[in-house]
N, C-alpha and C. Protein backbone atom coordinates (compact mmCIF):
# COMPACT_ATOMS: atom_id res chain seq x y z
N UNK A 1 0.83 -1.20 0.00
CA UNK A 1 0.01 0.00 0.00
C UNK A 1 0.87 1.26 0.00
N UNK A 2 1.98 1.19 0.71
CA UNK A 2 2.90 2.34 0.72
C UNK A 2 3.44 2.56 -0.67
N UNK A 3 3.82 1.49 -1.36
CA UNK A 3 4.35 1.60 -2.73
C UNK A 3 3.30 2.21 -3.66
N UNK A 4 2.05 1.87 -3.48
CA UNK A 4 0.97 2.47 -4.30
C UNK A 4 0.88 3.97 -4.00
N UNK A 5 0.89 4.32 -2.72
CA UNK A 5 0.74 5.70 -2.34
C UNK A 5 1.94 6.56 -2.77
N UNK A 6 3.13 5.92 -2.81
CA UNK A 6 4.34 6.70 -3.18
C UNK A 6 4.72 6.50 -4.63
N UNK A 7 3.87 5.85 -5.41
CA UNK A 7 4.07 5.61 -6.83
C UNK A 7 5.38 4.88 -7.13
N UNK A 8 5.68 3.89 -6.24
CA UNK A 8 6.89 3.06 -6.45
C UNK A 8 6.52 1.58 -6.59
N UNK A 9 5.30 1.29 -6.96
CA UNK A 9 4.85 -0.09 -7.09
C UNK A 9 5.70 -0.88 -8.08
N UNK A 10 6.20 -0.21 -9.12
CA UNK A 10 7.03 -0.90 -10.12
C UNK A 10 8.31 -1.43 -9.52
N UNK A 11 8.71 -0.94 -8.36
CA UNK A 11 9.94 -1.38 -7.70
C UNK A 11 9.72 -2.55 -6.71
N UNK A 12 8.48 -2.95 -6.52
CA UNK A 12 8.17 -3.99 -5.55
C UNK A 12 8.23 -5.37 -6.27
N UNK A 13 9.05 -6.28 -5.76
CA UNK A 13 9.12 -7.61 -6.39
C UNK A 13 7.82 -8.39 -6.17
N UNK A 14 7.39 -9.09 -7.21
CA UNK A 14 6.17 -9.90 -7.12
C UNK A 14 6.60 -11.32 -6.75
N UNK A 15 5.95 -11.91 -5.74
CA UNK A 15 6.24 -13.26 -5.30
C UNK A 15 5.03 -14.15 -5.63
N UNK A 16 5.26 -15.21 -6.33
CA UNK A 16 4.20 -16.14 -6.73
C UNK A 16 4.31 -17.42 -5.94
N UNK A 17 3.21 -18.10 -5.78
CA UNK A 17 3.23 -19.48 -5.24
C UNK A 17 2.28 -20.32 -6.04
N UNK A 18 2.24 -21.62 -5.78
CA UNK A 18 1.44 -22.53 -6.55
C UNK A 18 0.10 -22.84 -5.90
N UNK A 19 -0.26 -22.14 -4.84
CA UNK A 19 -1.52 -22.41 -4.15
C UNK A 19 -2.71 -21.91 -4.96
N UNK A 20 -3.84 -22.55 -4.71
CA UNK A 20 -5.10 -22.12 -5.30
C UNK A 20 -5.78 -21.22 -4.28
N UNK A 21 -6.63 -20.31 -4.77
CA UNK A 21 -7.31 -19.35 -3.91
C UNK A 21 -8.77 -19.28 -4.32
N UNK A 22 -9.65 -19.14 -3.33
CA UNK A 22 -11.07 -18.92 -3.60
C UNK A 22 -11.58 -17.86 -2.64
N UNK A 23 -12.51 -17.04 -3.12
CA UNK A 23 -13.16 -16.03 -2.29
C UNK A 23 -14.64 -16.07 -2.59
N UNK A 24 -15.43 -16.32 -1.56
CA UNK A 24 -16.89 -16.43 -1.66
C UNK A 24 -17.54 -15.25 -0.93
N UNK A 25 -18.41 -14.54 -1.62
CA UNK A 25 -19.11 -13.42 -1.01
C UNK A 25 -20.44 -13.87 -0.41
N UNK A 26 -20.67 -13.55 0.87
CA UNK A 26 -21.99 -13.74 1.49
C UNK A 26 -22.72 -12.42 1.35
N UNK A 27 -23.86 -12.47 0.73
CA UNK A 27 -24.62 -11.26 0.42
C UNK A 27 -25.95 -11.24 1.19
N UNK A 28 -26.55 -10.05 1.26
CA UNK A 28 -27.86 -9.89 1.87
C UNK A 28 -28.94 -10.18 0.83
N UNK A 29 -30.00 -10.82 1.27
CA UNK A 29 -31.15 -11.10 0.39
C UNK A 29 -31.67 -9.77 -0.17
N UNK A 30 -31.82 -9.72 -1.49
CA UNK A 30 -32.28 -8.49 -2.13
C UNK A 30 -31.19 -7.79 -2.89
N UNK A 31 -29.90 -8.04 -2.51
CA UNK A 31 -28.76 -7.42 -3.17
C UNK A 31 -28.72 -7.91 -4.61
N UNK A 32 -28.52 -7.07 -5.63
CA UNK A 32 -28.01 -5.71 -5.58
C UNK A 32 -29.09 -4.65 -5.42
N UNK A 33 -30.35 -5.06 -5.31
CA UNK A 33 -31.42 -4.08 -5.07
C UNK A 33 -31.49 -3.73 -3.59
N UNK A 34 -32.67 -3.46 -3.10
CA UNK A 34 -32.83 -3.10 -1.71
C UNK A 34 -32.69 -4.32 -0.82
N UNK A 35 -32.19 -4.14 0.39
CA UNK A 35 -31.96 -5.26 1.29
C UNK A 35 -32.05 -4.71 2.71
N UNK A 36 -32.40 -5.54 3.67
CA UNK A 36 -32.45 -5.10 5.05
C UNK A 36 -31.09 -4.92 5.67
N UNK A 37 -30.97 -4.05 6.62
CA UNK A 37 -29.72 -3.86 7.39
C UNK A 37 -30.03 -4.14 8.86
N UNK A 38 -28.97 -4.35 9.63
CA UNK A 38 -29.12 -4.52 11.07
C UNK A 38 -29.47 -5.92 11.50
N UNK A 39 -29.31 -6.92 10.60
CA UNK A 39 -29.61 -8.30 10.98
C UNK A 39 -28.37 -8.93 11.63
N UNK A 40 -28.56 -9.56 12.77
CA UNK A 40 -27.43 -10.09 13.53
C UNK A 40 -26.73 -11.23 12.76
N UNK A 41 -25.40 -11.18 12.80
CA UNK A 41 -24.58 -12.21 12.16
C UNK A 41 -24.06 -13.11 13.27
N UNK A 42 -24.29 -14.43 13.13
CA UNK A 42 -23.90 -15.37 14.15
C UNK A 42 -22.90 -16.38 13.61
N UNK A 43 -22.18 -17.03 14.51
CA UNK A 43 -21.29 -18.15 14.17
C UNK A 43 -20.15 -17.72 13.23
N UNK A 44 -19.66 -16.53 13.43
CA UNK A 44 -18.57 -16.08 12.60
C UNK A 44 -17.20 -16.39 13.17
N UNK A 45 -17.15 -16.77 14.43
CA UNK A 45 -15.87 -17.02 15.10
C UNK A 45 -15.13 -18.22 14.58
N UNK A 46 -15.85 -19.31 14.23
CA UNK A 46 -15.24 -20.58 13.87
C UNK A 46 -15.11 -20.64 12.36
N UNK A 47 -13.95 -20.21 11.83
CA UNK A 47 -13.79 -20.25 10.40
C UNK A 47 -12.59 -21.03 9.88
N UNK A 48 -12.16 -21.99 10.65
CA UNK A 48 -11.16 -23.00 10.23
C UNK A 48 -9.98 -22.34 9.53
N UNK A 49 -9.69 -22.79 8.30
CA UNK A 49 -8.53 -22.32 7.53
C UNK A 49 -8.83 -21.13 6.67
N UNK A 50 -9.92 -20.47 6.88
CA UNK A 50 -10.31 -19.35 6.02
C UNK A 50 -10.10 -18.03 6.70
N UNK A 51 -10.01 -16.99 5.94
CA UNK A 51 -9.97 -15.62 6.41
C UNK A 51 -11.28 -14.99 6.01
N UNK A 52 -11.96 -14.36 6.95
CA UNK A 52 -13.24 -13.71 6.67
C UNK A 52 -13.05 -12.21 6.73
N UNK A 53 -13.28 -11.56 5.58
CA UNK A 53 -13.16 -10.12 5.50
C UNK A 53 -14.53 -9.49 5.61
N UNK A 54 -14.63 -8.46 6.43
CA UNK A 54 -15.89 -7.75 6.61
C UNK A 54 -16.02 -6.70 5.51
N UNK A 55 -17.23 -6.64 4.92
CA UNK A 55 -17.47 -5.62 3.91
C UNK A 55 -18.66 -4.79 4.31
N UNK A 56 -19.81 -5.39 4.39
CA UNK A 56 -21.02 -4.68 4.80
C UNK A 56 -21.45 -5.12 6.17
N UNK A 57 -20.66 -4.78 7.19
CA UNK A 57 -21.00 -5.14 8.57
C UNK A 57 -20.87 -3.90 9.44
N UNK A 58 -21.45 -4.02 10.63
CA UNK A 58 -21.38 -2.93 11.61
C UNK A 58 -21.58 -3.56 13.00
N UNK A 59 -21.26 -2.83 14.00
CA UNK A 59 -21.53 -3.20 15.38
C UNK A 59 -22.68 -2.33 15.85
N UNK A 60 -23.77 -2.97 16.29
CA UNK A 60 -24.93 -2.26 16.80
C UNK A 60 -25.35 -2.92 18.13
N UNK A 61 -25.42 -2.11 19.18
CA UNK A 61 -25.76 -2.61 20.51
C UNK A 61 -24.88 -3.78 20.91
N UNK A 62 -23.58 -3.70 20.55
CA UNK A 62 -22.63 -4.75 20.92
C UNK A 62 -22.69 -6.02 20.06
N UNK A 63 -23.53 -6.03 19.01
CA UNK A 63 -23.64 -7.21 18.16
C UNK A 63 -23.17 -6.88 16.78
N UNK A 64 -22.60 -7.91 16.10
CA UNK A 64 -22.21 -7.78 14.70
C UNK A 64 -23.44 -7.93 13.85
N UNK A 65 -23.69 -6.93 12.96
CA UNK A 65 -24.90 -6.95 12.13
C UNK A 65 -24.58 -6.64 10.68
N UNK A 66 -25.51 -6.96 9.80
CA UNK A 66 -25.37 -6.63 8.40
C UNK A 66 -25.54 -5.13 8.22
N UNK A 67 -24.80 -4.58 7.24
CA UNK A 67 -24.89 -3.12 6.99
C UNK A 67 -24.64 -2.80 5.55
N UNK A 68 -24.78 -3.81 4.68
CA UNK A 68 -24.49 -3.64 3.26
C UNK A 68 -24.96 -4.85 2.48
N UNK A 69 -24.88 -4.73 1.16
CA UNK A 69 -25.32 -5.81 0.29
C UNK A 69 -24.32 -6.97 0.27
N UNK A 70 -23.05 -6.65 0.13
CA UNK A 70 -22.01 -7.67 0.20
C UNK A 70 -21.49 -7.63 1.63
N UNK A 71 -21.88 -8.60 2.41
CA UNK A 71 -21.69 -8.59 3.83
C UNK A 71 -20.30 -9.07 4.23
N UNK A 72 -19.93 -10.27 3.80
CA UNK A 72 -18.64 -10.87 4.18
C UNK A 72 -18.00 -11.55 2.96
N UNK A 73 -16.69 -11.63 3.02
CA UNK A 73 -15.91 -12.33 1.97
C UNK A 73 -15.15 -13.47 2.68
N UNK A 74 -15.37 -14.69 2.29
CA UNK A 74 -14.66 -15.83 2.90
C UNK A 74 -13.60 -16.25 1.89
N UNK A 75 -12.33 -16.24 2.34
CA UNK A 75 -11.22 -16.57 1.43
C UNK A 75 -10.41 -17.71 2.03
N UNK A 76 -9.87 -18.54 1.11
CA UNK A 76 -9.05 -19.65 1.53
C UNK A 76 -7.98 -19.95 0.49
N UNK A 77 -6.89 -20.53 0.93
CA UNK A 77 -5.87 -21.03 0.03
C UNK A 77 -5.69 -22.52 0.29
N UNK A 78 -5.20 -23.20 -0.73
CA UNK A 78 -4.98 -24.66 -0.57
C UNK A 78 -4.27 -25.22 -1.79
N UNK A 79 -4.05 -26.52 -1.77
CA UNK A 79 -3.30 -27.19 -2.82
C UNK A 79 -4.12 -27.50 -4.07
N UNK A 80 -5.43 -27.40 -3.99
CA UNK A 80 -6.28 -27.69 -5.16
C UNK A 80 -7.51 -26.79 -5.11
N UNK A 81 -8.11 -26.60 -6.26
CA UNK A 81 -9.34 -25.83 -6.33
C UNK A 81 -10.44 -26.51 -5.52
N UNK A 82 -10.52 -27.82 -5.56
CA UNK A 82 -11.52 -28.57 -4.81
C UNK A 82 -11.36 -28.31 -3.30
N UNK A 83 -10.13 -28.29 -2.83
CA UNK A 83 -9.84 -28.07 -1.42
C UNK A 83 -10.32 -26.67 -0.98
N UNK A 84 -10.01 -25.63 -1.75
CA UNK A 84 -10.40 -24.31 -1.31
C UNK A 84 -11.90 -24.09 -1.44
N UNK A 85 -12.49 -24.70 -2.42
CA UNK A 85 -13.98 -24.60 -2.54
C UNK A 85 -14.64 -25.24 -1.31
N UNK A 86 -14.13 -26.41 -0.92
CA UNK A 86 -14.65 -27.09 0.27
C UNK A 86 -14.54 -26.19 1.52
N UNK A 87 -13.39 -25.58 1.66
CA UNK A 87 -13.15 -24.72 2.83
C UNK A 87 -14.13 -23.54 2.89
N UNK A 88 -14.24 -22.81 1.78
CA UNK A 88 -15.08 -21.58 1.82
C UNK A 88 -16.55 -21.93 1.96
N UNK A 89 -16.99 -23.00 1.34
CA UNK A 89 -18.41 -23.37 1.44
C UNK A 89 -18.73 -23.93 2.81
N UNK A 90 -17.78 -24.63 3.47
CA UNK A 90 -18.03 -25.14 4.80
C UNK A 90 -18.20 -23.94 5.78
N UNK A 91 -17.40 -22.93 5.65
CA UNK A 91 -17.52 -21.75 6.51
C UNK A 91 -18.80 -20.99 6.18
N UNK A 92 -19.15 -20.86 4.90
CA UNK A 92 -20.38 -20.20 4.50
C UNK A 92 -21.61 -20.85 5.14
N UNK A 93 -21.57 -22.18 5.25
CA UNK A 93 -22.68 -22.89 5.86
C UNK A 93 -22.79 -22.64 7.36
N UNK A 94 -21.66 -22.35 8.02
CA UNK A 94 -21.64 -22.11 9.46
C UNK A 94 -22.11 -20.72 9.82
N UNK A 95 -21.69 -19.72 9.05
CA UNK A 95 -22.03 -18.33 9.36
C UNK A 95 -23.54 -18.14 9.08
N UNK A 96 -24.20 -17.44 9.96
CA UNK A 96 -25.65 -17.34 9.87
C UNK A 96 -26.13 -15.89 10.01
N UNK A 97 -26.96 -15.46 9.07
CA UNK A 97 -27.74 -14.26 9.23
C UNK A 97 -28.95 -14.36 8.34
N UNK A 98 -30.02 -13.75 8.75
CA UNK A 98 -31.28 -13.86 8.01
C UNK A 98 -31.09 -13.34 6.59
N UNK A 99 -31.55 -14.12 5.62
CA UNK A 99 -31.49 -13.70 4.23
C UNK A 99 -30.13 -13.94 3.56
N UNK A 100 -29.20 -14.59 4.24
CA UNK A 100 -27.86 -14.85 3.68
C UNK A 100 -28.01 -15.65 2.37
N UNK A 101 -27.27 -15.17 1.37
CA UNK A 101 -27.20 -15.98 0.15
C UNK A 101 -25.84 -15.82 -0.51
N UNK A 102 -25.49 -16.81 -1.30
CA UNK A 102 -24.22 -16.81 -1.98
C UNK A 102 -24.30 -17.70 -3.20
N UNK A 103 -23.39 -17.49 -4.12
CA UNK A 103 -23.33 -18.30 -5.32
C UNK A 103 -22.79 -19.68 -4.99
N UNK A 104 -23.24 -20.68 -5.71
CA UNK A 104 -22.78 -22.04 -5.50
C UNK A 104 -21.84 -22.53 -6.64
N UNK A 105 -21.49 -21.65 -7.53
CA UNK A 105 -20.68 -22.03 -8.69
C UNK A 105 -19.29 -21.41 -8.71
N UNK A 106 -18.84 -20.89 -7.58
CA UNK A 106 -17.52 -20.24 -7.54
C UNK A 106 -16.44 -21.29 -7.82
N UNK A 107 -15.59 -21.03 -8.79
CA UNK A 107 -14.48 -21.91 -9.12
C UNK A 107 -14.82 -23.05 -10.03
N UNK A 108 -16.01 -23.11 -10.56
CA UNK A 108 -16.41 -24.22 -11.43
C UNK A 108 -16.07 -24.00 -12.91
N UNK A 109 -15.84 -22.79 -13.30
CA UNK A 109 -15.53 -22.54 -14.72
C UNK A 109 -14.05 -22.57 -14.98
């Protein structure tokens, strides 16, 4: 980020690896149109080998709640596409909020 801000990104070495990556978006029902906000998000603590990025979330009355159309992004790395798909979908099934939906075809093309 510093290299981007200082316009020196061309000087940053790129490091590659052979791992596969998947990112699954958990969205609010109604997205991209209108959708409710303020719905409590539960079971987000147990996410195994995945990283969960918050996008459309907020804290209200001490609880994590939905606050946007794209609520969470579940990301995983692994040795195969099948492995990372399994990881992100397993976590998606655990996380709960009313109206949660997500695509079931990520990584199939």
